[in-house]
């Protein structure tokens, strides 16, 4: 999807058919986000499909395309948490950093392609100025609850007038 500089984030979400979810209740001893100065740090969000953990291992149970779809769903959850953290996604200056953990076999080497599912969605929703980000994509032996993908992010807020 190409993003128009005249469309709002809400309009782009609607055009993509995306409704942002409410913030999920943490399953352990952490908070979903922390604001520090002009930055918002979002805790890792795991892949869910139809309300259930999307479990599996890339290179064994799941394909790269499956992983991309999972990463896209994680990005939608992250945007829901980000909206709760800042009140309105228009308050985001930019996504600064994305870190992606991909539950994968030792021979799987397409973690970066899996993570594109999240990165591309962030650009589609927020636009290239706000959505483009630095990132890391790691292959790991396991993720909590057997999830296939876990992603966290850091966003910078617009501070003028806040």
N, C-alpha and C. Protein backbone atom coordinates (compact mmCIF):
# COMPACT_ATOMS: atom_id res chain seq x y z
N UNK A 1 0.85 -1.18 0.00
CA UNK A 1 0.00 0.00 0.00
C UNK A 1 0.89 1.23 0.00
N UNK A 2 0.59 2.18 -0.86
CA UNK A 2 1.34 3.43 -0.80
C UNK A 2 0.61 4.36 0.16
N UNK A 3 1.39 5.06 0.96
CA UNK A 3 0.78 5.96 1.93
C UNK A 3 0.81 7.37 1.39
N UNK A 4 -0.27 8.05 1.58
CA UNK A 4 -0.37 9.42 1.13
C UNK A 4 -0.01 10.34 2.28
N UNK A 5 0.73 11.40 1.97
CA UNK A 5 1.10 12.34 3.03
C UNK A 5 -0.11 13.10 3.54
N UNK A 6 -1.21 13.06 2.80
CA UNK A 6 -2.41 13.78 3.25
C UNK A 6 -3.37 12.90 4.04
N UNK A 7 -3.17 11.60 4.03
CA UNK A 7 -4.05 10.72 4.79
C UNK A 7 -3.57 10.61 6.22
N UNK A 8 -4.51 10.40 7.12
CA UNK A 8 -4.15 10.23 8.53
C UNK A 8 -3.84 8.77 8.80
N UNK A 9 -3.24 8.54 9.95
CA UNK A 9 -2.96 7.16 10.35
C UNK A 9 -4.26 6.39 10.49
N UNK A 10 -5.28 7.00 11.06
CA UNK A 10 -6.58 6.34 11.21
C UNK A 10 -7.16 5.97 9.85
N UNK A 11 -7.00 6.82 8.86
CA UNK A 11 -7.49 6.52 7.51
C UNK A 11 -6.72 5.36 6.89
N UNK A 12 -5.41 5.33 7.11
CA UNK A 12 -4.60 4.23 6.56
C UNK A 12 -4.97 2.90 7.23
N UNK A 13 -5.18 2.94 8.56
CA UNK A 13 -5.61 1.72 9.25
C UNK A 13 -6.93 1.23 8.68
N UNK A 14 -7.87 2.15 8.49
CA UNK A 14 -9.18 1.77 7.94
C UNK A 14 -9.04 1.20 6.53
N UNK A 15 -8.20 1.83 5.70
CA UNK A 15 -8.00 1.34 4.33
C UNK A 15 -7.39 -0.06 4.32
N UNK A 16 -6.57 -0.36 5.32
CA UNK A 16 -5.96 -1.69 5.44
C UNK A 16 -6.88 -2.70 6.12
N UNK A 17 -8.03 -2.24 6.60
CA UNK A 17 -8.97 -3.13 7.29
C UNK A 17 -8.48 -3.54 8.67
N UNK A 18 -7.71 -2.67 9.32
CA UNK A 18 -7.12 -2.99 10.62
C UNK A 18 -7.84 -2.24 11.73
N UNK A 19 -8.27 -3.00 12.73
CA UNK A 19 -8.77 -2.43 13.98
C UNK A 19 -7.75 -2.77 15.04
N UNK A 20 -7.24 -1.73 15.71
CA UNK A 20 -6.20 -1.98 16.71
C UNK A 20 -6.80 -2.61 17.95
N UNK A 21 -6.13 -3.62 18.49
CA UNK A 21 -6.61 -4.30 19.70
C UNK A 21 -6.30 -3.48 20.95
N UNK A 22 -7.02 -3.80 22.02
CA UNK A 22 -6.71 -3.23 23.33
C UNK A 22 -5.39 -3.82 23.81
N UNK A 23 -4.78 -3.14 24.76
CA UNK A 23 -3.53 -3.64 25.34
C UNK A 23 -3.81 -4.94 26.08
N UNK A 24 -2.99 -5.93 25.80
CA UNK A 24 -3.12 -7.23 26.48
C UNK A 24 -2.58 -7.12 27.90
N UNK A 25 -3.19 -7.85 28.80
CA UNK A 25 -2.72 -7.90 30.18
C UNK A 25 -1.43 -8.72 30.21
N UNK A 26 -0.37 -8.16 30.81
CA UNK A 26 0.89 -8.91 30.87
C UNK A 26 0.71 -10.26 31.57
N UNK A 27 1.42 -11.26 31.05
CA UNK A 27 1.33 -12.62 31.59
C UNK A 27 2.41 -12.89 32.63
N UNK A 28 3.24 -11.90 32.91
CA UNK A 28 4.34 -12.09 33.87
C UNK A 28 4.61 -10.76 34.57
N UNK A 29 5.75 -10.63 35.20
CA UNK A 29 6.11 -9.47 36.01
C UNK A 29 6.73 -8.37 35.15
N UNK A 30 5.92 -7.70 34.36
CA UNK A 30 6.38 -6.59 33.53
C UNK A 30 5.19 -5.71 33.18
N UNK A 31 5.45 -4.56 32.59
CA UNK A 31 4.39 -3.68 32.10
C UNK A 31 4.46 -3.65 30.58
N UNK A 32 3.35 -3.36 29.90
CA UNK A 32 3.35 -3.41 28.44
C UNK A 32 4.18 -2.31 27.78
N UNK A 33 4.35 -1.17 28.48
CA UNK A 33 5.15 -0.09 27.92
C UNK A 33 5.66 0.80 29.04
N UNK A 34 6.74 1.52 28.72
CA UNK A 34 7.31 2.50 29.64
C UNK A 34 7.65 3.74 28.82
N UNK A 35 7.18 4.89 29.32
CA UNK A 35 7.56 6.16 28.71
C UNK A 35 8.71 6.76 29.49
N UNK A 36 9.72 7.24 28.77
CA UNK A 36 10.87 7.91 29.39
C UNK A 36 11.25 9.07 28.49
N UNK A 37 10.98 10.27 28.96
CA UNK A 37 11.22 11.45 28.13
C UNK A 37 10.36 11.38 26.88
N UNK A 38 11.00 11.54 25.73
CA UNK A 38 10.25 11.51 24.47
C UNK A 38 10.21 10.11 23.85
N UNK A 39 10.67 9.10 24.59
CA UNK A 39 10.67 7.73 24.06
C UNK A 39 9.64 6.86 24.76
N UNK A 40 9.10 5.92 24.00
CA UNK A 40 8.20 4.90 24.54
C UNK A 40 8.80 3.55 24.17
N UNK A 41 9.01 2.72 25.20
CA UNK A 41 9.58 1.39 25.03
C UNK A 41 8.45 0.38 25.19
N UNK A 42 8.18 -0.41 24.15
CA UNK A 42 7.15 -1.44 24.22
C UNK A 42 7.78 -2.79 24.51
N UNK A 43 7.22 -3.49 25.49
CA UNK A 43 7.66 -4.84 25.80
C UNK A 43 7.42 -5.75 24.60
N UNK A 44 8.11 -6.86 24.58
CA UNK A 44 7.93 -7.82 23.50
C UNK A 44 6.50 -8.33 23.43
N UNK A 45 5.98 -8.43 22.23
CA UNK A 45 4.65 -8.97 21.96
C UNK A 45 4.85 -10.25 21.14
N UNK A 46 4.17 -11.32 21.53
CA UNK A 46 4.30 -12.58 20.80
C UNK A 46 3.19 -12.72 19.77
N UNK A 47 3.46 -13.52 18.77
CA UNK A 47 2.50 -13.75 17.69
C UNK A 47 1.28 -14.49 18.20
N UNK A 48 0.11 -13.97 17.80
CA UNK A 48 -1.16 -14.63 18.12
C UNK A 48 -2.00 -14.69 16.85
N UNK A 49 -2.73 -15.78 16.74
CA UNK A 49 -3.64 -15.97 15.61
C UNK A 49 -4.96 -16.44 16.18
N UNK A 50 -6.03 -15.76 15.83
CA UNK A 50 -7.36 -16.09 16.34
C UNK A 50 -7.38 -16.12 17.87
N UNK A 51 -6.65 -15.18 18.49
CA UNK A 51 -6.64 -15.06 19.94
C UNK A 51 -5.77 -16.06 20.67
N UNK A 52 -5.12 -16.94 19.96
CA UNK A 52 -4.26 -17.96 20.57
C UNK A 52 -2.81 -17.74 20.14
N UNK A 53 -1.88 -18.19 20.97
CA UNK A 53 -0.47 -18.10 20.62
C UNK A 53 -0.23 -18.82 19.30
N UNK A 54 0.45 -18.15 18.39
CA UNK A 54 0.81 -18.76 17.11
C UNK A 54 2.15 -19.45 17.35
N UNK A 55 2.08 -20.72 17.67
CA UNK A 55 3.27 -21.50 18.02
C UNK A 55 3.88 -22.14 16.78
N UNK A 56 5.15 -22.42 16.87
CA UNK A 56 5.83 -23.12 15.79
C UNK A 56 7.23 -22.60 15.59
N UNK A 57 7.97 -23.33 14.81
CA UNK A 57 9.37 -22.99 14.56
C UNK A 57 9.59 -22.80 13.07
N UNK A 58 10.17 -21.66 12.71
CA UNK A 58 10.47 -21.39 11.32
C UNK A 58 11.56 -22.34 10.85
N UNK A 59 11.38 -22.88 9.67
CA UNK A 59 12.33 -23.86 9.15
C UNK A 59 11.95 -25.29 9.50
N UNK A 60 10.94 -25.45 10.36
CA UNK A 60 10.48 -26.78 10.73
C UNK A 60 8.97 -26.87 10.50
N UNK A 61 8.19 -26.13 11.30
CA UNK A 61 6.72 -26.17 11.21
C UNK A 61 6.15 -25.06 10.33
N UNK A 62 6.91 -23.98 10.16
CA UNK A 62 6.38 -22.79 9.50
C UNK A 62 7.31 -22.31 8.40
N UNK A 63 6.71 -21.72 7.38
CA UNK A 63 7.47 -21.16 6.26
C UNK A 63 7.80 -19.69 6.53
N UNK A 64 8.65 -19.14 5.71
CA UNK A 64 8.97 -17.72 5.81
C UNK A 64 7.72 -16.88 5.65
N UNK A 65 6.85 -17.25 4.71
CA UNK A 65 5.58 -16.52 4.52
C UNK A 65 4.71 -16.58 5.77
N UNK A 66 4.66 -17.73 6.43
CA UNK A 66 3.92 -17.84 7.70
C UNK A 66 4.51 -16.87 8.72
N UNK A 67 5.83 -16.85 8.81
CA UNK A 67 6.50 -15.97 9.75
C UNK A 67 6.23 -14.50 9.46
N UNK A 68 6.20 -14.14 8.19
CA UNK A 68 5.89 -12.76 7.81
C UNK A 68 4.47 -12.40 8.25
N UNK A 69 3.54 -13.31 8.04
CA UNK A 69 2.15 -13.06 8.46
C UNK A 69 2.07 -12.92 9.98
N UNK A 70 2.82 -13.74 10.70
CA UNK A 70 2.84 -13.66 12.16
C UNK A 70 3.44 -12.34 12.62
N UNK A 71 4.54 -11.92 11.99
CA UNK A 71 5.18 -10.66 12.34
C UNK A 71 4.25 -9.47 12.06
N UNK A 72 3.49 -9.56 11.00
CA UNK A 72 2.52 -8.50 10.68
C UNK A 72 1.47 -8.40 11.79
N UNK A 73 0.98 -9.54 12.25
CA UNK A 73 -0.01 -9.54 13.34
C UNK A 73 0.60 -8.99 14.64
N UNK A 74 1.87 -9.30 14.89
CA UNK A 74 2.53 -8.75 16.07
C UNK A 74 2.59 -7.22 15.95
N UNK A 75 2.91 -6.72 14.76
CA UNK A 75 2.99 -5.27 14.56
C UNK A 75 1.65 -4.60 14.83
N UNK A 76 0.56 -5.25 14.46
CA UNK A 76 -0.77 -4.70 14.75
C UNK A 76 -0.98 -4.62 16.26
N UNK A 77 -0.61 -5.67 16.99
CA UNK A 77 -0.70 -5.65 18.45
C UNK A 77 0.18 -4.55 19.04
N UNK A 78 1.38 -4.40 18.51
CA UNK A 78 2.28 -3.35 18.99
C UNK A 78 1.68 -1.97 18.77
N UNK A 79 1.05 -1.76 17.63
CA UNK A 79 0.41 -0.46 17.37
C UNK A 79 -0.74 -0.20 18.34
N UNK A 80 -1.47 -1.24 18.70
CA UNK A 80 -2.53 -1.09 19.70
C UNK A 80 -1.97 -0.66 21.04
N UNK A 81 -0.87 -1.27 21.44
CA UNK A 81 -0.22 -0.90 22.70
C UNK A 81 0.36 0.51 22.60
N UNK A 82 0.95 0.83 21.48
CA UNK A 82 1.52 2.16 21.28
C UNK A 82 0.44 3.23 21.35
N UNK A 83 -0.70 2.94 20.77
CA UNK A 83 -1.81 3.90 20.84
C UNK A 83 -2.25 4.11 22.29
N UNK A 84 -2.33 3.03 23.06
CA UNK A 84 -2.69 3.15 24.47
C UNK A 84 -1.65 3.95 25.24
N UNK A 85 -0.39 3.81 24.86
CA UNK A 85 0.69 4.50 25.55
C UNK A 85 0.71 6.00 25.28
N UNK A 86 0.34 6.39 24.06
CA UNK A 86 0.47 7.80 23.67
C UNK A 86 -0.86 8.50 23.40
N UNK A 87 -1.95 7.76 23.43
CA UNK A 87 -3.27 8.36 23.25
C UNK A 87 -3.71 8.47 21.80
N UNK A 88 -2.79 8.78 20.90
CA UNK A 88 -3.12 8.95 19.49
C UNK A 88 -1.84 8.69 18.70
N UNK A 89 -1.92 7.83 17.71
CA UNK A 89 -0.72 7.49 16.94
C UNK A 89 -0.16 8.69 16.17
N UNK A 90 -0.95 9.73 15.98
CA UNK A 90 -0.45 10.95 15.35
C UNK A 90 0.61 11.62 16.23
N UNK A 91 0.69 11.24 17.51
CA UNK A 91 1.70 11.78 18.42
C UNK A 91 3.08 11.12 18.26
N UNK A 92 3.16 10.13 17.36
CA UNK A 92 4.43 9.43 17.12
C UNK A 92 5.26 10.22 16.12
N UNK A 93 6.47 10.56 16.53
CA UNK A 93 7.41 11.22 15.60
C UNK A 93 8.00 10.18 14.66
N UNK A 94 8.41 9.04 15.23
CA UNK A 94 8.92 7.95 14.40
C UNK A 94 9.12 6.70 15.25
N UNK A 95 9.14 5.56 14.57
CA UNK A 95 9.58 4.32 15.19
C UNK A 95 11.10 4.35 15.11
N UNK A 96 11.75 4.22 16.25
CA UNK A 96 13.20 4.32 16.30
C UNK A 96 13.86 2.96 16.07
N UNK A 97 13.36 1.93 16.75
CA UNK A 97 14.04 0.63 16.71
C UNK A 97 13.02 -0.49 16.86
N UNK A 98 13.21 -1.54 16.10
CA UNK A 98 12.42 -2.77 16.20
C UNK A 98 13.41 -3.91 16.45
N UNK A 99 13.08 -4.76 17.42
CA UNK A 99 13.88 -5.96 17.65
C UNK A 99 12.96 -7.16 17.52
N UNK A 100 13.33 -8.07 16.65
CA UNK A 100 12.51 -9.24 16.33
C UNK A 100 13.25 -10.52 16.70
N UNK A 101 12.55 -11.38 17.43
CA UNK A 101 13.06 -12.70 17.78
C UNK A 101 12.23 -13.72 17.01
N UNK A 102 12.89 -14.57 16.26
CA UNK A 102 12.22 -15.55 15.43
C UNK A 102 12.59 -16.95 15.92
N UNK A 103 11.60 -17.69 16.37
CA UNK A 103 11.78 -19.06 16.82
C UNK A 103 12.10 -19.89 15.58
N UNK A 104 13.37 -20.29 15.45
CA UNK A 104 13.77 -20.93 14.20
C UNK A 104 14.82 -22.02 14.43
N UNK A 105 14.89 -22.89 13.44
CA UNK A 105 15.89 -23.96 13.48
C UNK A 105 17.28 -23.34 13.27
N UNK A 106 18.30 -24.09 13.60
CA UNK A 106 19.67 -23.57 13.44
C UNK A 106 20.04 -23.34 11.99
N UNK A 107 19.34 -23.98 11.06
CA UNK A 107 19.67 -23.80 9.64
C UNK A 107 18.81 -22.73 8.96
N UNK A 108 17.80 -22.21 9.65
CA UNK A 108 16.94 -21.17 9.07
C UNK A 108 17.67 -19.84 9.07
N UNK A 109 17.73 -19.17 7.94
CA UNK A 109 18.49 -17.92 7.84
C UNK A 109 17.68 -16.74 7.31
N UNK A 110 16.36 -16.83 7.36
CA UNK A 110 15.53 -15.77 6.79
C UNK A 110 14.78 -14.96 7.85
N UNK A 111 15.41 -14.81 9.03
CA UNK A 111 14.79 -14.02 10.09
C UNK A 111 14.50 -12.59 9.62
N UNK A 112 15.40 -12.03 8.83
CA UNK A 112 15.21 -10.68 8.32
C UNK A 112 13.97 -10.58 7.42
N UNK A 113 13.72 -11.63 6.64
CA UNK A 113 12.53 -11.63 5.78
C UNK A 113 11.26 -11.79 6.59
N UNK A 114 11.30 -12.60 7.64
CA UNK A 114 10.16 -12.74 8.55
C UNK A 114 9.83 -11.37 9.14
N UNK A 115 10.85 -10.68 9.61
CA UNK A 115 10.66 -9.39 10.27
C UNK A 115 10.11 -8.33 9.33
N UNK A 116 10.32 -8.50 8.03
CA UNK A 116 9.74 -7.58 7.05
C UNK A 116 8.23 -7.50 7.18
N UNK A 117 7.59 -8.57 7.66
CA UNK A 117 6.14 -8.53 7.85
C UNK A 117 5.72 -7.43 8.79
N UNK A 118 6.51 -7.21 9.84
CA UNK A 118 6.24 -6.12 10.80
C UNK A 118 6.72 -4.78 10.24
N UNK A 119 7.93 -4.76 9.72
CA UNK A 119 8.50 -3.50 9.22
C UNK A 119 7.64 -2.88 8.12
N UNK A 120 7.21 -3.71 7.19
CA UNK A 120 6.39 -3.19 6.10
C UNK A 120 5.06 -2.65 6.60
N UNK A 121 4.45 -3.32 7.58
CA UNK A 121 3.19 -2.83 8.11
C UNK A 121 3.38 -1.48 8.81
N UNK A 122 4.44 -1.34 9.58
CA UNK A 122 4.69 -0.08 10.27
C UNK A 122 4.81 1.08 9.27
N UNK A 123 5.48 0.85 8.16
CA UNK A 123 5.60 1.88 7.13
C UNK A 123 4.25 2.12 6.46
N UNK A 124 3.51 1.05 6.17
CA UNK A 124 2.19 1.21 5.54
C UNK A 124 1.24 2.04 6.41
N UNK A 125 1.29 1.83 7.71
CA UNK A 125 0.37 2.53 8.63
C UNK A 125 0.88 3.92 8.98
N UNK A 126 2.15 4.03 9.33
CA UNK A 126 2.68 5.29 9.84
C UNK A 126 3.29 6.18 8.76
N UNK A 127 3.53 5.62 7.58
CA UNK A 127 4.19 6.36 6.51
C UNK A 127 5.69 6.17 6.59
N UNK A 128 6.39 6.51 5.51
CA UNK A 128 7.82 6.24 5.45
C UNK A 128 8.62 7.11 6.42
N UNK A 129 8.19 8.31 6.68
CA UNK A 129 8.93 9.17 7.62
C UNK A 129 8.84 8.65 9.05
N UNK A 130 7.65 8.26 9.48
CA UNK A 130 7.44 7.80 10.86
C UNK A 130 7.71 6.32 11.04
N UNK A 131 7.44 5.53 10.02
CA UNK A 131 7.49 4.08 10.17
C UNK A 131 8.83 3.43 9.92
N UNK A 132 9.69 4.07 9.11
CA UNK A 132 11.01 3.49 8.83
C UNK A 132 11.85 3.50 10.11
N UNK A 133 12.60 2.45 10.35
CA UNK A 133 13.26 2.27 11.63
C UNK A 133 14.54 1.46 11.50
N UNK A 134 15.38 1.57 12.51
CA UNK A 134 16.51 0.66 12.66
C UNK A 134 15.95 -0.64 13.22
N UNK A 135 16.61 -1.75 12.96
CA UNK A 135 16.08 -3.00 13.51
C UNK A 135 17.14 -4.08 13.60
N UNK A 136 16.80 -5.08 14.39
CA UNK A 136 17.58 -6.30 14.49
C UNK A 136 16.62 -7.47 14.38
N UNK A 137 17.07 -8.56 13.77
CA UNK A 137 16.27 -9.77 13.66
C UNK A 137 17.16 -10.94 14.05
N UNK A 138 16.73 -11.66 15.07
CA UNK A 138 17.52 -12.76 15.60
C UNK A 138 16.78 -14.08 15.47
N UNK A 139 17.51 -15.13 15.20
CA UNK A 139 16.98 -16.48 15.30
C UNK A 139 17.25 -16.99 16.71
N UNK A 140 16.23 -17.52 17.36
CA UNK A 140 16.38 -18.03 18.72
C UNK A 140 15.84 -19.45 18.81
N UNK A 141 16.29 -20.17 19.81
CA UNK A 141 15.90 -21.57 19.97
C UNK A 141 14.47 -21.73 20.47
N UNK A 142 13.97 -20.73 21.19
CA UNK A 142 12.60 -20.81 21.71
C UNK A 142 12.16 -19.44 22.18
N UNK A 143 10.86 -19.24 22.16
CA UNK A 143 10.20 -18.01 22.63
C UNK A 143 9.13 -18.45 23.61
N UNK A 144 8.79 -17.62 24.62
CA UNK A 144 7.76 -18.01 25.57
C UNK A 144 6.51 -18.58 24.89
N UNK A 145 5.98 -19.62 25.49
CA UNK A 145 4.76 -20.30 25.04
C UNK A 145 4.90 -20.93 23.66
N UNK A 146 6.13 -21.05 23.18
CA UNK A 146 6.36 -21.66 21.87
C UNK A 146 6.00 -20.77 20.69
N UNK A 147 5.77 -19.47 20.95
CA UNK A 147 5.40 -18.54 19.87
C UNK A 147 6.46 -18.55 18.78
N UNK A 148 6.02 -18.28 17.56
CA UNK A 148 6.95 -18.29 16.43
C UNK A 148 7.72 -16.99 16.31
N UNK A 149 7.14 -15.88 16.76
CA UNK A 149 7.79 -14.57 16.63
C UNK A 149 7.47 -13.74 17.86
N UNK A 150 8.46 -12.97 18.31
CA UNK A 150 8.26 -11.96 19.35
C UNK A 150 8.96 -10.69 18.90
N UNK A 151 8.27 -9.55 19.04
CA UNK A 151 8.84 -8.28 18.59
C UNK A 151 8.61 -7.21 19.66
N UNK A 152 9.63 -6.38 19.85
CA UNK A 152 9.51 -5.21 20.71
C UNK A 152 9.92 -3.99 19.90
N UNK A 153 9.51 -2.80 20.38
CA UNK A 153 9.91 -1.60 19.64
C UNK A 153 10.09 -0.41 20.56
N UNK A 154 10.79 0.57 20.03
CA UNK A 154 10.98 1.86 20.69
C UNK A 154 10.47 2.92 19.73
N UNK A 155 9.65 3.84 20.25
CA UNK A 155 9.12 4.93 19.44
C UNK A 155 9.47 6.26 20.08
N UNK A 156 9.62 7.27 19.24
CA UNK A 156 9.86 8.63 19.71
C UNK A 156 8.58 9.43 19.54
N UNK A 157 8.27 10.25 20.54
CA UNK A 157 7.06 11.08 20.51
C UNK A 157 7.36 12.48 19.98
N UNK A 158 6.36 13.08 19.41
CA UNK A 158 6.43 14.51 19.08
C UNK A 158 6.31 15.25 20.41
N UNK A 159 7.24 16.10 20.72
CA UNK A 159 7.22 16.75 22.02
C UNK A 159 6.72 18.20 21.96
N UNK A 160 6.70 18.82 20.80
CA UNK A 160 6.21 20.18 20.70
C UNK A 160 4.74 20.22 21.06
N UNK A 161 4.37 21.09 21.97
CA UNK A 161 2.96 21.27 22.33
C UNK A 161 2.40 20.20 23.24
N UNK A 162 3.24 19.25 23.69
CA UNK A 162 2.72 18.19 24.57
C UNK A 162 2.93 18.56 26.01
